[in-house]
């Protein structure tokens, strides 16, 4: 009986090459941005030829899918479902902002570059949309329990949404030099005042 052919060595090399290409694309997306990332730059960063990139990813859609899946799996945002377990809305907001701003401390600059370019790369924007929708669910969890109505509720929603924005973290922590704790307490006080 003939033995079955196994391509273990070659398959492992191909998988390694494919992962190097994905890693190179993610690195470039998070530094120069997806709109400025070229196949040539990806190939150079991965240490392969352009043809090798095209062999593994005949269209950019497949590469984008792997980058998005790998990126969000490697750098998941805080779990808003855990925040919902806290019944006091002010403590919940403080907890959430501490976790979210710690997340931004780790990935904020890269995320800012990617988000900046999403309007210029619609296919990538569509793939990221379900992941970025988590911020809407974060806001929904954080606005529970404040007992505000009408205009005050709209203002509360706006303040909570503002506190979750990457650009708010960038402004307070990166540009104005507040520490994470200071930024969080400032935002909690603003929301409390409403």
N, C-alpha and C. Protein backbone atom coordinates (compact mmCIF):
# COMPACT_ATOMS: atom_id res chain seq x y z
N UNK A 1 0.84 -1.17 0.00
CA UNK A 1 0.00 0.00 0.00
C UNK A 1 0.89 1.25 0.00
N UNK A 2 0.65 2.18 -0.94
CA UNK A 2 1.49 3.38 -1.00
C UNK A 2 1.22 4.31 0.18
N UNK A 3 2.30 4.98 0.62
CA UNK A 3 2.16 5.94 1.72
C UNK A 3 1.52 7.23 1.23
N UNK A 4 0.77 7.85 2.10
CA UNK A 4 0.17 9.15 1.75
C UNK A 4 1.27 10.22 1.74
N UNK A 5 1.19 11.11 0.76
CA UNK A 5 2.17 12.20 0.65
C UNK A 5 1.84 13.28 1.67
N UNK A 6 2.85 13.71 2.41
CA UNK A 6 2.65 14.79 3.38
C UNK A 6 3.58 15.94 3.03
N UNK A 7 3.03 17.12 3.11
CA UNK A 7 3.78 18.31 2.74
C UNK A 7 4.12 19.11 4.00
N UNK A 8 4.48 18.43 5.06
CA UNK A 8 4.64 19.08 6.35
C UNK A 8 5.70 20.17 6.35
N UNK A 9 6.87 19.91 5.85
CA UNK A 9 7.94 20.91 5.85
C UNK A 9 7.60 22.11 5.00
N UNK A 10 7.15 21.85 3.78
CA UNK A 10 6.81 22.93 2.88
C UNK A 10 5.58 23.71 3.39
N UNK A 11 4.61 22.99 3.94
CA UNK A 11 3.41 23.66 4.46
C UNK A 11 3.77 24.56 5.64
N UNK A 12 4.67 24.09 6.50
CA UNK A 12 5.09 24.92 7.63
C UNK A 12 5.81 26.16 7.16
N UNK A 13 6.66 26.02 6.14
CA UNK A 13 7.36 27.18 5.58
C UNK A 13 6.37 28.15 4.95
N UNK A 14 5.40 27.63 4.23
CA UNK A 14 4.39 28.48 3.60
C UNK A 14 3.57 29.22 4.66
N UNK A 15 3.21 28.52 5.72
CA UNK A 15 2.44 29.16 6.80
C UNK A 15 3.27 30.23 7.49
N UNK A 16 4.57 29.96 7.67
CA UNK A 16 5.47 30.95 8.29
C UNK A 16 5.59 32.18 7.39
N UNK A 17 5.74 31.97 6.10
CA UNK A 17 5.84 33.09 5.15
C UNK A 17 4.55 33.91 5.16
N UNK A 18 3.44 33.23 5.13
CA UNK A 18 2.15 33.92 5.16
C UNK A 18 2.01 34.77 6.43
N UNK A 19 2.41 34.21 7.57
CA UNK A 19 2.31 34.96 8.83
C UNK A 19 3.27 36.15 8.83
N UNK A 20 4.45 35.99 8.26
CA UNK A 20 5.39 37.12 8.17
C UNK A 20 4.80 38.24 7.33
N UNK A 21 4.09 37.88 6.27
CA UNK A 21 3.45 38.89 5.41
C UNK A 21 2.36 39.62 6.20
N UNK A 22 1.54 38.87 6.92
CA UNK A 22 0.47 39.48 7.73
C UNK A 22 1.08 40.39 8.80
N UNK A 23 2.11 39.91 9.49
CA UNK A 23 2.76 40.72 10.53
C UNK A 23 3.35 42.00 9.95
N UNK A 24 3.96 41.89 8.78
CA UNK A 24 4.53 43.07 8.13
C UNK A 24 3.43 44.07 7.77
N UNK A 25 2.32 43.57 7.24
CA UNK A 25 1.21 44.46 6.89
C UNK A 25 0.64 45.14 8.13
N UNK A 26 0.47 44.40 9.20
CA UNK A 26 -0.06 44.98 10.44
C UNK A 26 0.89 46.06 10.97
N UNK A 27 2.18 45.76 10.95
CA UNK A 27 3.15 46.74 11.42
C UNK A 27 3.10 48.02 10.59
N UNK A 28 3.02 47.88 9.29
CA UNK A 28 2.95 49.05 8.42
C UNK A 28 1.61 49.78 8.58
N UNK A 29 0.52 49.03 8.69
CA UNK A 29 -0.79 49.66 8.89
C UNK A 29 -0.79 50.50 10.16
N UNK A 30 -0.10 50.02 11.18
CA UNK A 30 -0.14 50.70 12.47
C UNK A 30 0.95 51.77 12.63
N UNK A 31 1.80 51.93 11.63
CA UNK A 31 2.81 52.98 11.71
C UNK A 31 2.61 54.04 10.62
N UNK A 32 2.62 53.61 9.36
CA UNK A 32 2.41 54.59 8.28
C UNK A 32 0.94 54.69 7.90
N UNK A 33 0.16 53.68 8.27
CA UNK A 33 -1.27 53.68 7.96
C UNK A 33 -1.59 52.80 6.78
N UNK A 34 -2.79 52.23 6.76
CA UNK A 34 -3.17 51.34 5.66
C UNK A 34 -3.22 52.04 4.30
N UNK A 35 -3.58 53.32 4.28
CA UNK A 35 -3.68 54.03 3.01
C UNK A 35 -2.31 54.24 2.37
N UNK A 36 -1.27 54.24 3.17
CA UNK A 36 0.08 54.47 2.66
C UNK A 36 0.92 53.19 2.57
N UNK A 37 0.33 52.07 2.91
CA UNK A 37 1.05 50.79 2.88
C UNK A 37 0.98 50.21 1.47
N UNK A 38 2.13 49.91 0.93
CA UNK A 38 2.19 49.33 -0.42
C UNK A 38 2.57 47.85 -0.33
N UNK A 39 2.28 47.13 -1.39
CA UNK A 39 2.67 45.72 -1.46
C UNK A 39 4.19 45.62 -1.43
N UNK A 40 4.87 46.55 -2.09
CA UNK A 40 6.34 46.53 -2.08
C UNK A 40 6.88 46.69 -0.67
N UNK A 41 6.29 47.58 0.11
CA UNK A 41 6.74 47.79 1.49
C UNK A 41 6.46 46.55 2.34
N UNK A 42 5.31 45.94 2.13
CA UNK A 42 4.98 44.72 2.87
C UNK A 42 5.99 43.63 2.54
N UNK A 43 6.27 43.45 1.26
CA UNK A 43 7.23 42.42 0.83
C UNK A 43 8.60 42.68 1.43
N UNK A 44 9.04 43.92 1.39
CA UNK A 44 10.36 44.26 1.95
C UNK A 44 10.40 43.97 3.45
N UNK A 45 9.37 44.40 4.16
CA UNK A 45 9.32 44.20 5.61
C UNK A 45 9.26 42.71 5.96
N UNK A 46 8.56 41.93 5.15
CA UNK A 46 8.43 40.49 5.40
C UNK A 46 9.65 39.70 4.91
N UNK A 47 10.51 40.36 4.12
CA UNK A 47 11.68 39.66 3.59
C UNK A 47 11.36 38.71 2.46
N UNK A 48 10.35 39.08 1.65
CA UNK A 48 9.94 38.24 0.51
C UNK A 48 9.84 39.12 -0.73
N UNK A 49 9.61 38.49 -1.85
CA UNK A 49 9.38 39.21 -3.10
C UNK A 49 7.90 39.63 -3.19
N UNK A 50 7.64 40.66 -3.99
CA UNK A 50 6.25 41.09 -4.20
C UNK A 50 5.39 39.93 -4.71
N UNK A 51 5.95 39.14 -5.61
CA UNK A 51 5.23 38.00 -6.18
C UNK A 51 4.80 37.02 -5.08
N UNK A 52 5.63 36.86 -4.06
CA UNK A 52 5.28 35.97 -2.95
C UNK A 52 4.07 36.51 -2.19
N UNK A 53 4.02 37.82 -2.00
CA UNK A 53 2.85 38.42 -1.34
C UNK A 53 1.60 38.11 -2.16
N UNK A 54 1.68 38.33 -3.48
CA UNK A 54 0.52 38.06 -4.34
C UNK A 54 0.17 36.58 -4.40
N UNK A 55 1.17 35.71 -4.28
CA UNK A 55 0.90 34.28 -4.30
C UNK A 55 0.08 33.89 -3.06
N UNK A 56 0.41 34.47 -1.92
CA UNK A 56 -0.32 34.16 -0.70
C UNK A 56 -1.64 34.93 -0.61
N UNK A 57 -1.67 36.13 -1.18
CA UNK A 57 -2.86 36.98 -1.11
C UNK A 57 -3.13 37.57 -2.50
N UNK A 58 -3.84 36.83 -3.35
CA UNK A 58 -4.09 37.30 -4.71
C UNK A 58 -4.85 38.63 -4.77
N UNK A 59 -5.62 38.93 -3.72
CA UNK A 59 -6.28 40.23 -3.66
C UNK A 59 -6.09 40.81 -2.26
N UNK A 60 -6.17 42.11 -2.16
CA UNK A 60 -5.96 42.77 -0.86
C UNK A 60 -7.01 42.39 0.17
N UNK A 61 -8.19 42.01 -0.29
CA UNK A 61 -9.26 41.65 0.64
C UNK A 61 -8.86 40.52 1.58
N UNK A 62 -8.21 39.51 1.05
CA UNK A 62 -7.76 38.39 1.89
C UNK A 62 -6.71 38.83 2.90
N UNK A 63 -5.79 39.69 2.48
CA UNK A 63 -4.77 40.20 3.39
C UNK A 63 -5.43 41.06 4.46
N UNK A 64 -6.35 41.93 4.06
CA UNK A 64 -7.05 42.77 5.03
C UNK A 64 -7.79 41.92 6.06
N UNK A 65 -8.47 40.87 5.59
CA UNK A 65 -9.20 40.01 6.52
C UNK A 65 -8.28 39.40 7.56
N UNK A 66 -7.14 38.90 7.14
CA UNK A 66 -6.20 38.31 8.09
C UNK A 66 -5.63 39.35 9.04
N UNK A 67 -5.33 40.53 8.52
CA UNK A 67 -4.79 41.60 9.37
C UNK A 67 -5.80 42.00 10.44
N UNK A 68 -7.03 42.18 10.04
CA UNK A 68 -8.07 42.59 10.99
C UNK A 68 -8.29 41.50 12.04
N UNK A 69 -8.43 40.26 11.60
CA UNK A 69 -8.65 39.17 12.54
C UNK A 69 -7.48 39.02 13.50
N UNK A 70 -6.28 39.05 12.96
CA UNK A 70 -5.08 38.89 13.80
C UNK A 70 -4.91 40.08 14.74
N UNK A 71 -5.12 41.28 14.21
CA UNK A 71 -4.93 42.49 15.02
C UNK A 71 -5.89 42.57 16.20
N UNK A 72 -7.17 42.33 15.96
CA UNK A 72 -8.15 42.41 17.06
C UNK A 72 -8.00 41.24 18.02
N UNK A 73 -7.57 40.08 17.53
CA UNK A 73 -7.34 38.95 18.44
C UNK A 73 -6.13 39.21 19.33
N UNK A 74 -5.13 39.83 18.77
CA UNK A 74 -3.91 40.13 19.53
C UNK A 74 -4.09 41.30 20.48
N UNK A 75 -4.90 42.28 20.09
CA UNK A 75 -5.09 43.48 20.89
C UNK A 75 -6.57 43.75 21.12
N UNK A 76 -7.25 42.88 21.86
CA UNK A 76 -8.69 43.10 22.08
C UNK A 76 -8.92 44.24 23.06
N UNK A 77 -9.94 45.05 22.82
CA UNK A 77 -10.27 46.11 23.78
C UNK A 77 -10.86 45.50 25.05
N UNK A 78 -10.96 46.30 26.10
CA UNK A 78 -11.54 45.78 27.35
C UNK A 78 -12.96 45.25 27.11
N UNK A 79 -13.36 44.31 27.95
CA UNK A 79 -14.66 43.67 27.82
C UNK A 79 -15.71 44.47 28.58
N UNK A 80 -16.57 45.15 27.84
CA UNK A 80 -17.61 45.99 28.45
C UNK A 80 -18.62 45.16 29.25
N UNK A 81 -18.71 43.88 28.97
CA UNK A 81 -19.64 43.03 29.72
C UNK A 81 -19.21 42.90 31.17
N UNK A 82 -17.92 42.97 31.43
CA UNK A 82 -17.42 42.94 32.81
C UNK A 82 -17.83 44.22 33.54
N UNK A 83 -17.82 45.33 32.84
CA UNK A 83 -18.20 46.60 33.47
C UNK A 83 -19.64 46.58 33.94
N UNK A 84 -20.49 45.90 33.19
CA UNK A 84 -21.92 45.86 33.50
C UNK A 84 -22.19 45.23 34.86
N UNK A 85 -21.24 44.47 35.37
CA UNK A 85 -21.43 43.83 36.68
C UNK A 85 -21.36 44.84 37.82
N UNK A 86 -20.74 45.99 37.58
CA UNK A 86 -20.67 47.05 38.60
C UNK A 86 -21.99 47.82 38.57
N UNK A 87 -22.68 47.89 39.70
CA UNK A 87 -24.00 48.51 39.73
C UNK A 87 -23.95 50.02 39.90
N UNK A 88 -22.93 50.54 40.55
CA UNK A 88 -22.82 52.00 40.74
C UNK A 88 -22.29 52.63 39.45
N UNK A 89 -23.05 53.55 38.81
CA UNK A 89 -22.65 54.07 37.51
C UNK A 89 -21.33 54.85 37.53
N UNK A 90 -21.07 55.55 38.62
CA UNK A 90 -19.82 56.32 38.69
C UNK A 90 -18.61 55.38 38.83
N UNK A 91 -18.72 54.37 39.68
CA UNK A 91 -17.62 53.40 39.82
C UNK A 91 -17.44 52.63 38.51
N UNK A 92 -18.55 52.32 37.85
CA UNK A 92 -18.48 51.61 36.56
C UNK A 92 -17.73 52.46 35.53
N UNK A 93 -18.05 53.75 35.48
CA UNK A 93 -17.38 54.64 34.53
C UNK A 93 -15.89 54.73 34.84
N UNK A 94 -15.55 54.87 36.10
CA UNK A 94 -14.15 54.97 36.50
C UNK A 94 -13.39 53.69 36.11
N UNK A 95 -13.96 52.54 36.41
CA UNK A 95 -13.36 51.25 36.06
C UNK A 95 -13.16 51.15 34.55
N UNK A 96 -14.21 51.50 33.81
CA UNK A 96 -14.16 51.40 32.35
C UNK A 96 -13.08 52.30 31.77
N UNK A 97 -13.03 53.54 32.23
CA UNK A 97 -12.04 54.47 31.67
C UNK A 97 -10.62 54.06 32.03
N UNK A 98 -10.42 53.55 33.24
CA UNK A 98 -9.09 53.06 33.60
C UNK A 98 -8.67 51.93 32.66
N UNK A 99 -9.56 50.98 32.42
CA UNK A 99 -9.23 49.87 31.53
C UNK A 99 -9.05 50.32 30.09
N UNK A 100 -9.94 51.20 29.63
CA UNK A 100 -9.86 51.66 28.26
C UNK A 100 -8.61 52.50 28.03
N UNK A 101 -8.27 53.37 28.97
CA UNK A 101 -7.10 54.22 28.81
C UNK A 101 -5.81 53.40 28.95
N UNK A 102 -5.82 52.34 29.74
CA UNK A 102 -4.67 51.42 29.77
C UNK A 102 -4.52 50.76 28.40
N UNK A 103 -5.65 50.39 27.80
CA UNK A 103 -5.63 49.81 26.46
C UNK A 103 -5.07 50.82 25.46
N UNK A 104 -5.54 52.07 25.53
CA UNK A 104 -5.03 53.10 24.64
C UNK A 104 -3.54 53.35 24.87
N UNK A 105 -3.10 53.28 26.12
CA UNK A 105 -1.66 53.44 26.39
C UNK A 105 -0.85 52.42 25.61
N UNK A 106 -1.40 51.22 25.45
CA UNK A 106 -0.69 50.16 24.74
C UNK A 106 -0.82 50.22 23.23
N UNK A 107 -2.00 50.55 22.73
CA UNK A 107 -2.24 50.47 21.28
C UNK A 107 -2.77 51.76 20.67
N UNK A 108 -2.91 52.80 21.46
CA UNK A 108 -3.57 54.02 20.99
C UNK A 108 -2.96 54.66 19.78
N UNK A 109 -1.64 54.77 19.76
CA UNK A 109 -1.00 55.43 18.62
C UNK A 109 -1.21 54.63 17.34
N UNK A 110 -1.07 53.33 17.41
CA UNK A 110 -1.29 52.48 16.23
C UNK A 110 -2.76 52.52 15.80
N UNK A 111 -3.66 52.44 16.78
CA UNK A 111 -5.09 52.48 16.47
C UNK A 111 -5.47 53.81 15.84
N UNK A 112 -4.88 54.89 16.31
CA UNK A 112 -5.17 56.22 15.76
C UNK A 112 -4.78 56.30 14.29
N UNK A 113 -3.64 55.74 13.93
CA UNK A 113 -3.18 55.75 12.54
C UNK A 113 -4.14 54.94 11.66
N UNK A 114 -4.55 53.79 12.15
CA UNK A 114 -5.45 52.93 11.38
C UNK A 114 -6.81 53.61 11.21
N UNK A 115 -7.37 54.11 12.31
CA UNK A 115 -8.68 54.76 12.25
C UNK A 115 -8.63 55.99 11.35
N UNK A 116 -7.52 56.72 11.39
CA UNK A 116 -7.36 57.90 10.52
C UNK A 116 -7.52 57.53 9.06
N UNK A 117 -7.00 56.36 8.68
CA UNK A 117 -7.00 55.97 7.27
C UNK A 117 -8.24 55.21 6.81
N UNK A 118 -9.10 54.79 7.73
CA UNK A 118 -10.25 53.97 7.33
C UNK A 118 -11.12 54.62 6.27
N UNK A 119 -11.37 55.93 6.30
CA UNK A 119 -12.18 56.51 5.22
C UNK A 119 -11.55 56.38 3.84
N UNK A 120 -10.24 56.17 3.79
CA UNK A 120 -9.54 56.07 2.51
C UNK A 120 -9.39 54.63 2.03
N UNK A 121 -9.75 53.67 2.90
CA UNK A 121 -9.65 52.25 2.55
C UNK A 121 -10.98 51.59 2.93
N UNK A 122 -12.02 51.79 2.11
CA UNK A 122 -13.37 51.33 2.47
C UNK A 122 -13.47 49.84 2.81
N UNK A 123 -12.74 49.00 2.10
CA UNK A 123 -12.81 47.57 2.37
C UNK A 123 -12.30 47.26 3.78
N UNK A 124 -11.23 47.92 4.18
CA UNK A 124 -10.69 47.74 5.52
C UNK A 124 -11.63 48.34 6.56
N UNK A 125 -12.25 49.45 6.23
CA UNK A 125 -13.22 50.06 7.14
C UNK A 125 -14.39 49.12 7.41
N UNK A 126 -14.88 48.47 6.35
CA UNK A 126 -16.00 47.54 6.51
C UNK A 126 -15.62 46.35 7.38
N UNK A 127 -14.40 45.85 7.24
CA UNK A 127 -13.95 44.72 8.05
C UNK A 127 -13.78 45.10 9.51
N UNK A 128 -13.40 46.35 9.78
CA UNK A 128 -13.20 46.81 11.15
C UNK A 128 -14.49 47.27 11.82
N UNK A 129 -15.51 47.56 11.04
CA UNK A 129 -16.75 48.12 11.59
C UNK A 129 -17.34 47.30 12.74
N UNK A 130 -17.44 45.98 12.64
CA UNK A 130 -18.00 45.22 13.77
C UNK A 130 -17.16 45.34 15.04
N UNK A 131 -15.86 45.45 14.88
CA UNK A 131 -14.98 45.58 16.04
C UNK A 131 -15.11 46.97 16.66
N UNK A 132 -15.18 47.98 15.82
CA UNK A 132 -15.30 49.36 16.33
C UNK A 132 -16.69 49.62 16.92
N UNK A 133 -17.67 48.79 16.55
CA UNK A 133 -19.01 48.93 17.13
C UNK A 133 -19.01 48.61 18.62
N UNK A 134 -17.95 47.97 19.11
CA UNK A 134 -17.85 47.69 20.55
C UNK A 134 -17.91 48.98 21.36
N UNK A 135 -17.41 50.08 20.81
CA UNK A 135 -17.42 51.33 21.55
C UNK A 135 -18.85 51.83 21.77
N UNK A 136 -19.73 51.55 20.84
CA UNK A 136 -21.15 51.90 21.03
C UNK A 136 -21.73 51.07 22.17
N UNK A 137 -21.39 49.81 22.22
CA UNK A 137 -21.88 48.95 23.30
C UNK A 137 -21.26 49.36 24.64
N UNK A 138 -20.03 49.82 24.61
CA UNK A 138 -19.41 50.34 25.83
C UNK A 138 -20.23 51.52 26.36
N UNK A 139 -20.56 52.44 25.45
CA UNK A 139 -21.34 53.62 25.85
C UNK A 139 -22.67 53.21 26.44
N UNK A 140 -23.35 52.26 25.82
CA UNK A 140 -24.65 51.81 26.32
C UNK A 140 -24.54 51.28 27.75
N UNK A 141 -23.50 50.50 28.02
CA UNK A 141 -23.30 49.96 29.36
C UNK A 141 -23.05 51.10 30.35
N UNK A 142 -22.26 52.09 29.94
CA UNK A 142 -21.85 53.15 30.86
C UNK A 142 -22.93 54.18 31.14
N UNK A 143 -23.91 54.29 30.28
CA UNK A 143 -24.96 55.28 30.55
C UNK A 143 -26.10 54.73 31.40
N UNK A 144 -26.04 53.45 31.72
CA UNK A 144 -27.08 52.86 32.58
C UNK A 144 -26.95 53.35 34.02
N UNK A 145 -28.11 53.59 34.62
CA UNK A 145 -28.15 53.86 36.05
C UNK A 145 -27.93 55.29 36.48
N UNK A 146 -27.77 56.23 35.55
CA UNK A 146 -27.52 57.62 35.93
C UNK A 146 -28.81 58.38 36.23
N UNK A 147 -29.95 57.83 35.87
CA UNK A 147 -31.25 58.45 36.15
C UNK A 147 -31.32 59.89 35.64
N UNK A 148 -31.08 60.06 34.35
CA UNK A 148 -31.20 61.37 33.71
C UNK A 148 -32.28 61.27 32.65
N UNK A 149 -32.97 62.36 32.40
CA UNK A 149 -34.05 62.40 31.41
C UNK A 149 -33.84 63.58 30.45
N UNK A 150 -34.45 63.46 29.29
CA UNK A 150 -34.48 64.55 28.32
C UNK A 150 -33.11 65.09 27.94
N UNK A 151 -32.98 66.41 28.02
CA UNK A 151 -31.74 67.08 27.63
C UNK A 151 -30.57 66.60 28.48
N UNK A 152 -30.79 66.38 29.76
CA UNK A 152 -29.71 65.92 30.65
C UNK A 152 -29.20 64.53 30.23
N UNK A 153 -30.11 63.70 29.75
CA UNK A 153 -29.70 62.37 29.28
C UNK A 153 -28.87 62.48 28.01
N UNK A 154 -29.27 63.37 27.09
CA UNK A 154 -28.49 63.58 25.87
C UNK A 154 -27.10 64.11 26.20
N UNK A 155 -27.03 65.03 27.16
CA UNK A 155 -25.73 65.57 27.57
C UNK A 155 -24.87 64.48 28.22
N UNK A 156 -25.48 63.66 29.05
CA UNK A 156 -24.77 62.56 29.68
C UNK A 156 -24.21 61.62 28.61
N UNK A 157 -25.05 61.28 27.65
CA UNK A 157 -24.62 60.40 26.56
C UNK A 157 -23.44 61.02 25.80
N UNK A 158 -23.53 62.30 25.53
CA UNK A 158 -22.45 62.99 24.81
C UNK A 158 -21.16 62.98 25.61
N UNK A 159 -21.26 63.22 26.91
CA UNK A 159 -20.06 63.25 27.76
C UNK A 159 -19.42 61.86 27.87
N UNK A 160 -20.25 60.84 28.00
CA UNK A 160 -19.71 59.47 28.07
C UNK A 160 -19.07 59.09 26.74
N UNK A 161 -19.74 59.42 25.65
CA UNK A 161 -19.18 59.14 24.32
C UNK A 161 -17.84 59.85 24.16
N UNK A 162 -17.78 61.11 24.55
CA UNK A 162 -16.53 61.88 24.48
C UNK A 162 -15.43 61.22 25.31
N UNK A 163 -15.78 60.74 26.48
CA UNK A 163 -14.77 60.13 27.35
C UNK A 163 -14.20 58.84 26.77
N UNK A 164 -14.97 58.14 25.94
CA UNK A 164 -14.52 56.89 25.33
C UNK A 164 -13.68 57.10 24.08
N UNK A 165 -13.72 58.29 23.52
CA UNK A 165 -13.05 58.55 22.25
C UNK A 165 -11.54 58.45 22.38
N UNK A 166 -10.94 57.82 21.41
CA UNK A 166 -9.49 57.75 21.32
C UNK A 166 -8.89 59.16 21.29
N UNK A 167 -9.55 60.06 20.58
CA UNK A 167 -9.04 61.44 20.47
C UNK A 167 -9.06 62.16 21.82
N UNK A 168 -9.98 61.82 22.71
CA UNK A 168 -10.00 62.42 24.05
C UNK A 168 -8.79 61.94 24.83
N UNK A 169 -8.52 60.64 24.78
CA UNK A 169 -7.31 60.11 25.42
C UNK A 169 -6.07 60.78 24.86
N UNK A 170 -6.01 60.90 23.52
CA UNK A 170 -4.84 61.53 22.89
C UNK A 170 -4.66 62.96 23.40
N UNK A 171 -5.75 63.70 23.46
CA UNK A 171 -5.68 65.09 23.90
C UNK A 171 -5.24 65.21 25.36
N UNK A 172 -5.91 64.47 26.24
CA UNK A 172 -5.63 64.62 27.67
C UNK A 172 -4.29 64.01 28.09
N UNK A 173 -4.01 62.82 27.60
CA UNK A 173 -2.83 62.09 28.06
C UNK A 173 -1.60 62.41 27.21
N UNK A 174 -1.74 62.33 25.90
CA UNK A 174 -0.58 62.52 25.04
C UNK A 174 -0.21 64.00 24.86
N UNK A 175 -1.19 64.84 24.56
CA UNK A 175 -0.87 66.23 24.24
C UNK A 175 -0.82 67.13 25.49
N UNK A 176 -1.72 66.92 26.45
CA UNK A 176 -1.75 67.80 27.62
C UNK A 176 -0.97 67.24 28.80
N UNK A 177 -0.50 66.01 28.70
CA UNK A 177 0.39 65.45 29.70
C UNK A 177 -0.25 65.00 31.00
N UNK A 178 -1.57 64.82 31.02
CA UNK A 178 -2.19 64.28 32.23
C UNK A 178 -1.85 62.81 32.36
N UNK A 179 -1.70 62.35 33.59
CA UNK A 179 -1.56 60.92 33.82
C UNK A 179 -2.90 60.25 33.59
N UNK A 180 -2.88 58.95 33.45
CA UNK A 180 -4.12 58.21 33.22
C UNK A 180 -5.12 58.47 34.33
N UNK A 181 -4.68 58.38 35.59
CA UNK A 181 -5.59 58.60 36.72
C UNK A 181 -6.19 60.00 36.69
N UNK A 182 -5.37 60.99 36.37
CA UNK A 182 -5.86 62.37 36.31
C UNK A 182 -6.91 62.53 35.21
N UNK A 183 -6.63 61.97 34.05
CA UNK A 183 -7.57 62.07 32.93
C UNK A 183 -8.89 61.39 33.28
N UNK A 184 -8.81 60.21 33.87
CA UNK A 184 -10.02 59.48 34.24
C UNK A 184 -10.83 60.27 35.26
N UNK A 185 -10.19 60.78 36.29
CA UNK A 185 -10.92 61.53 37.32
C UNK A 185 -11.54 62.79 36.76
N UNK A 186 -10.85 63.49 35.85
CA UNK A 186 -11.41 64.68 35.22
C UNK A 186 -12.70 64.32 34.47
N UNK A 187 -12.66 63.24 33.72
CA UNK A 187 -13.83 62.85 32.92
C UNK A 187 -14.97 62.36 33.81
N UNK A 188 -14.65 61.65 34.88
CA UNK A 188 -15.70 61.19 35.81
C UNK A 188 -16.36 62.42 36.44
N UNK A 189 -15.58 63.43 36.81
CA UNK A 189 -16.17 64.65 37.39
C UNK A 189 -17.07 65.37 36.41
N UNK A 190 -16.64 65.41 35.15
CA UNK A 190 -17.46 66.06 34.11
C UNK A 190 -18.80 65.33 33.99
N UNK A 191 -18.75 64.03 33.88
CA UNK A 191 -19.99 63.26 33.75
C UNK A 191 -20.85 63.42 34.99
N UNK A 192 -20.23 63.37 36.17
CA UNK A 192 -20.99 63.52 37.42
C UNK A 192 -21.71 64.87 37.48
N UNK A 193 -21.06 65.93 36.98
CA UNK A 193 -21.67 67.26 37.01
C UNK A 193 -22.95 67.35 36.18
N UNK A 194 -23.10 66.46 35.24
CA UNK A 194 -24.31 66.48 34.42
C UNK A 194 -25.47 65.86 35.17
